[in-house]
Amino acid sequence: MGNDYKERMGGLANRLKLEQPKMPIQEVKPVLKEEVKIATAQLNVWISKDLVKRMKSYGIENELSLKDITTQAIEAYLKEAVPTN
């Protein structure tokens, strides 16, 4: 029994020397933030064609949608016209 144990342990020692340790691979995944969805409503207005062209041109140059331009313009107007307390 003593020799059998020594052979098994010797075999284990040789295997440990020869085999690469199997390390678990840990995946790092970034935490994704959920976008806060703001309730929206539709607004339909009639404006001059020239103003629409200017808005589209501005949007292309600044990578903004017509919705973004309109929202920013209304917010800027209301900030000056109706100051908050």
N, C-alpha and C. Protein backbone atom coordinates (compact mmCIF):
# COMPACT_ATOMS: atom_id res chain seq x y z
N MET A 1 0.82 -1.20 0.00
CA MET A 1 0.00 0.00 0.00
C MET A 1 0.87 1.26 0.00
N GLY A 2 1.99 1.23 0.65
CA GLY A 2 2.87 2.38 0.69
C GLY A 2 3.44 2.72 -0.66
N ASN A 3 3.80 1.72 -1.45
CA ASN A 3 4.35 1.95 -2.78
C ASN A 3 3.29 2.49 -3.73
N ASP A 4 2.07 1.95 -3.61
CA ASP A 4 0.97 2.40 -4.46
C ASP A 4 0.68 3.89 -4.24
N TYR A 5 0.71 4.29 -2.98
CA TYR A 5 0.47 5.70 -2.64
C TYR A 5 1.57 6.59 -3.22
N LYS A 6 2.81 6.16 -3.11
CA LYS A 6 3.93 6.93 -3.63
C LYS A 6 3.86 7.04 -5.15
N GLU A 7 3.43 5.97 -5.83
CA GLU A 7 3.29 6.00 -7.29
C GLU A 7 2.20 6.99 -7.71
N ARG A 8 1.08 6.95 -6.99
CA ARG A 8 -0.01 7.88 -7.33
C ARG A 8 0.40 9.32 -7.09
N MET A 9 1.06 9.58 -6.00
CA MET A 9 1.50 10.95 -5.71
C MET A 9 2.59 11.38 -6.69
N GLY A 10 3.46 10.47 -7.05
CA GLY A 10 4.49 10.78 -8.03
C GLY A 10 3.87 11.09 -9.38
N GLY A 11 2.85 10.32 -9.76
CA GLY A 11 2.13 10.58 -11.01
C GLY A 11 1.43 11.92 -10.98
N LEU A 12 0.88 12.26 -9.84
CA LEU A 12 0.20 13.55 -9.69
C LEU A 12 1.20 14.69 -9.82
N ALA A 13 2.35 14.52 -9.19
CA ALA A 13 3.38 15.57 -9.26
C ALA A 13 3.83 15.77 -10.70
N ASN A 14 4.01 14.69 -11.44
CA ASN A 14 4.42 14.80 -12.84
C ASN A 14 3.34 15.48 -13.68
N ARG A 15 2.07 15.12 -13.43
CA ARG A 15 0.98 15.75 -14.19
C ARG A 15 0.91 17.25 -13.90
N LEU A 16 1.11 17.61 -12.65
CA LEU A 16 1.07 19.03 -12.29
C LEU A 16 2.20 19.81 -12.95
N LYS A 17 3.34 19.15 -13.11
CA LYS A 17 4.47 19.81 -13.76
C LYS A 17 4.25 19.97 -15.26
N LEU A 18 3.63 18.98 -15.88
CA LEU A 18 3.48 18.97 -17.33
C LEU A 18 2.27 19.77 -17.82
N GLU A 19 1.16 19.70 -17.11
CA GLU A 19 -0.08 20.33 -17.57
C GLU A 19 -0.12 21.81 -17.15
N GLN A 20 -0.61 22.62 -18.05
CA GLN A 20 -0.84 24.02 -17.73
C GLN A 20 -2.06 24.11 -16.81
N PRO A 21 -2.01 24.96 -15.80
CA PRO A 21 -3.19 25.09 -14.94
C PRO A 21 -4.35 25.69 -15.74
N LYS A 22 -5.52 25.16 -15.49
CA LYS A 22 -6.72 25.63 -16.19
C LYS A 22 -7.33 26.76 -15.37
N MET A 23 -7.06 27.97 -15.82
CA MET A 23 -7.57 29.15 -15.13
C MET A 23 -8.93 29.52 -15.72
N PRO A 24 -9.89 29.76 -14.88
CA PRO A 24 -11.18 30.20 -15.42
C PRO A 24 -11.03 31.59 -16.04
N ILE A 25 -11.67 31.77 -17.16
CA ILE A 25 -11.61 33.06 -17.85
C ILE A 25 -12.78 33.90 -17.37
N GLN A 26 -12.45 35.05 -16.84
CA GLN A 26 -13.47 35.94 -16.33
C GLN A 26 -13.78 36.98 -17.39
N GLU A 27 -15.05 37.12 -17.70
CA GLU A 27 -15.46 38.12 -18.68
C GLU A 27 -15.84 39.40 -17.96
N VAL A 28 -15.33 40.50 -18.47
CA VAL A 28 -15.66 41.80 -17.90
C VAL A 28 -16.68 42.45 -18.82
N LYS A 29 -17.84 42.71 -18.29
CA LYS A 29 -18.90 43.33 -19.07
C LYS A 29 -19.25 44.67 -18.42
N PRO A 30 -19.26 45.74 -19.22
CA PRO A 30 -19.60 47.04 -18.64
C PRO A 30 -21.07 47.09 -18.23
N VAL A 31 -21.32 47.85 -17.20
CA VAL A 31 -22.69 48.04 -16.74
C VAL A 31 -23.35 49.06 -17.66
N LEU A 32 -24.44 48.65 -18.29
CA LEU A 32 -25.14 49.54 -19.21
C LEU A 32 -26.18 50.34 -18.44
N LYS A 33 -26.15 51.63 -18.65
CA LYS A 33 -27.13 52.50 -18.01
C LYS A 33 -28.39 52.52 -18.85
N GLU A 34 -29.50 52.42 -18.18
CA GLU A 34 -30.77 52.49 -18.89
C GLU A 34 -31.08 53.96 -19.16
N GLU A 35 -31.48 54.21 -20.39
CA GLU A 35 -31.83 55.58 -20.74
C GLU A 35 -33.16 55.94 -20.09
N VAL A 36 -33.20 57.14 -19.55
CA VAL A 36 -34.44 57.62 -18.95
C VAL A 36 -35.33 58.11 -20.09
N LYS A 37 -36.48 57.50 -20.20
CA LYS A 37 -37.40 57.89 -21.27
C LYS A 37 -38.32 58.99 -20.77
N ILE A 38 -38.30 60.08 -21.51
CA ILE A 38 -39.14 61.22 -21.17
C ILE A 38 -40.42 61.10 -21.99
N ALA A 39 -41.54 61.30 -21.33
CA ALA A 39 -42.81 61.26 -22.05
C ALA A 39 -42.82 62.36 -23.10
N THR A 40 -43.23 62.03 -24.30
CA THR A 40 -43.24 63.00 -25.39
C THR A 40 -44.65 63.18 -25.93
N ALA A 41 -44.84 64.27 -26.61
CA ALA A 41 -46.11 64.57 -27.27
C ALA A 41 -45.80 65.12 -28.65
N GLN A 42 -46.73 64.97 -29.55
CA GLN A 42 -46.52 65.42 -30.92
C GLN A 42 -46.91 66.89 -31.06
N LEU A 43 -46.12 67.63 -31.86
CA LEU A 43 -46.38 69.04 -32.13
C LEU A 43 -46.33 69.24 -33.64
N ASN A 44 -47.40 69.71 -34.21
CA ASN A 44 -47.43 70.00 -35.65
C ASN A 44 -47.55 71.50 -35.85
N VAL A 45 -46.62 72.06 -36.61
CA VAL A 45 -46.66 73.49 -36.89
C VAL A 45 -46.36 73.72 -38.37
N TRP A 46 -46.86 74.84 -38.88
CA TRP A 46 -46.56 75.25 -40.24
C TRP A 46 -45.55 76.38 -40.17
N ILE A 47 -44.39 76.18 -40.81
CA ILE A 47 -43.37 77.22 -40.85
C ILE A 47 -42.91 77.39 -42.29
N SER A 48 -42.20 78.48 -42.55
CA SER A 48 -41.78 78.76 -43.93
C SER A 48 -40.79 77.71 -44.43
N LYS A 49 -40.79 77.50 -45.74
CA LYS A 49 -39.87 76.54 -46.35
C LYS A 49 -38.42 76.95 -46.12
N ASP A 50 -38.18 78.26 -46.16
CA ASP A 50 -36.83 78.76 -45.94
C ASP A 50 -36.32 78.38 -44.54
N LEU A 51 -37.19 78.51 -43.55
CA LEU A 51 -36.80 78.16 -42.19
C LEU A 51 -36.53 76.65 -42.06
N VAL A 52 -37.34 75.84 -42.73
CA VAL A 52 -37.12 74.39 -42.71
C VAL A 52 -35.76 74.05 -43.35
N LYS A 53 -35.44 74.70 -44.47
CA LYS A 53 -34.15 74.46 -45.13
C LYS A 53 -33.00 74.85 -44.22
N ARG A 54 -33.14 75.99 -43.55
CA ARG A 54 -32.09 76.43 -42.63
C ARG A 54 -31.93 75.46 -41.46
N MET A 55 -33.05 74.97 -40.94
CA MET A 55 -33.00 74.00 -39.85
C MET A 55 -32.31 72.71 -40.29
N LYS A 56 -32.65 72.23 -41.49
CA LYS A 56 -32.05 71.00 -41.99
C LYS A 56 -30.55 71.18 -42.21
N SER A 57 -30.17 72.31 -42.76
CA SER A 57 -28.76 72.59 -42.99
C SER A 57 -28.00 72.65 -41.66
N TYR A 58 -28.58 73.33 -40.70
CA TYR A 58 -27.97 73.43 -39.37
C TYR A 58 -27.87 72.04 -38.73
N GLY A 59 -28.91 71.25 -38.89
CA GLY A 59 -28.91 69.90 -38.33
C GLY A 59 -27.83 69.01 -38.91
N ILE A 60 -27.63 69.11 -40.22
CA ILE A 60 -26.58 68.32 -40.87
C ILE A 60 -25.21 68.74 -40.38
N GLU A 61 -24.98 70.04 -40.31
CA GLU A 61 -23.67 70.56 -39.88
C GLU A 61 -23.36 70.19 -38.42
N ASN A 62 -24.39 70.13 -37.58
CA ASN A 62 -24.19 69.90 -36.15
C ASN A 62 -24.67 68.52 -35.68
N GLU A 63 -25.02 67.67 -36.63
CA GLU A 63 -25.49 66.31 -36.34
C GLU A 63 -26.65 66.32 -35.35
N LEU A 64 -27.65 67.12 -35.65
CA LEU A 64 -28.85 67.22 -34.83
C LEU A 64 -30.07 66.91 -35.68
N SER A 65 -31.08 66.32 -35.07
CA SER A 65 -32.33 66.08 -35.79
C SER A 65 -33.19 67.34 -35.71
N LEU A 66 -34.20 67.40 -36.56
CA LEU A 66 -35.13 68.53 -36.51
C LEU A 66 -35.82 68.59 -35.15
N LYS A 67 -36.10 67.43 -34.59
CA LYS A 67 -36.72 67.36 -33.27
C LYS A 67 -35.80 68.00 -32.23
N ASP A 68 -34.51 67.66 -32.28
CA ASP A 68 -33.55 68.23 -31.33
C ASP A 68 -33.44 69.74 -31.47
N ILE A 69 -33.37 70.21 -32.71
CA ILE A 69 -33.26 71.65 -32.96
C ILE A 69 -34.49 72.37 -32.44
N THR A 70 -35.67 71.83 -32.73
CA THR A 70 -36.92 72.45 -32.30
C THR A 70 -37.00 72.47 -30.78
N THR A 71 -36.67 71.36 -30.14
CA THR A 71 -36.72 71.29 -28.68
C THR A 71 -35.77 72.29 -28.05
N GLN A 72 -34.54 72.35 -28.56
CA GLN A 72 -33.56 73.30 -28.02
C GLN A 72 -34.02 74.74 -28.20
N ALA A 73 -34.60 75.03 -29.36
CA ALA A 73 -35.05 76.40 -29.63
C ALA A 73 -36.20 76.79 -28.70
N ILE A 74 -37.15 75.89 -28.50
CA ILE A 74 -38.29 76.20 -27.63
C ILE A 74 -37.82 76.34 -26.18
N GLU A 75 -36.92 75.46 -25.74
CA GLU A 75 -36.41 75.56 -24.37
C GLU A 75 -35.66 76.86 -24.15
N ALA A 76 -34.84 77.27 -25.13
CA ALA A 76 -34.09 78.53 -25.01
C ALA A 76 -35.05 79.72 -24.98
N TYR A 77 -36.08 79.68 -25.82
CA TYR A 77 -37.06 80.78 -25.86
C TYR A 77 -37.79 80.87 -24.52
N LEU A 78 -38.27 79.74 -24.02
CA LEU A 78 -39.03 79.76 -22.78
C LEU A 78 -38.16 80.13 -21.58
N LYS A 79 -36.89 79.80 -21.63
CA LYS A 79 -35.98 80.16 -20.54
C LYS A 79 -35.89 81.68 -20.40
N GLU A 80 -35.88 82.39 -21.54
CA GLU A 80 -35.82 83.85 -21.52
C GLU A 80 -37.19 84.47 -21.30
N ALA A 81 -38.21 83.92 -21.95
CA ALA A 81 -39.54 84.52 -21.89
C ALA A 81 -40.24 84.27 -20.56
N VAL A 82 -40.03 83.09 -19.99
CA VAL A 82 -40.70 82.73 -18.74
C VAL A 82 -39.65 82.27 -17.74
N PRO A 83 -39.04 83.21 -17.02
CA PRO A 83 -38.01 82.80 -16.06
C PRO A 83 -38.62 81.97 -14.93
N THR A 84 -37.89 80.94 -14.52
CA THR A 84 -38.37 80.10 -13.42
C THR A 84 -37.93 80.70 -12.10
N ASN A 85 -38.71 80.46 -11.07
CA ASN A 85 -38.41 81.02 -9.73
C ASN A 85 -37.43 80.15 -9.01
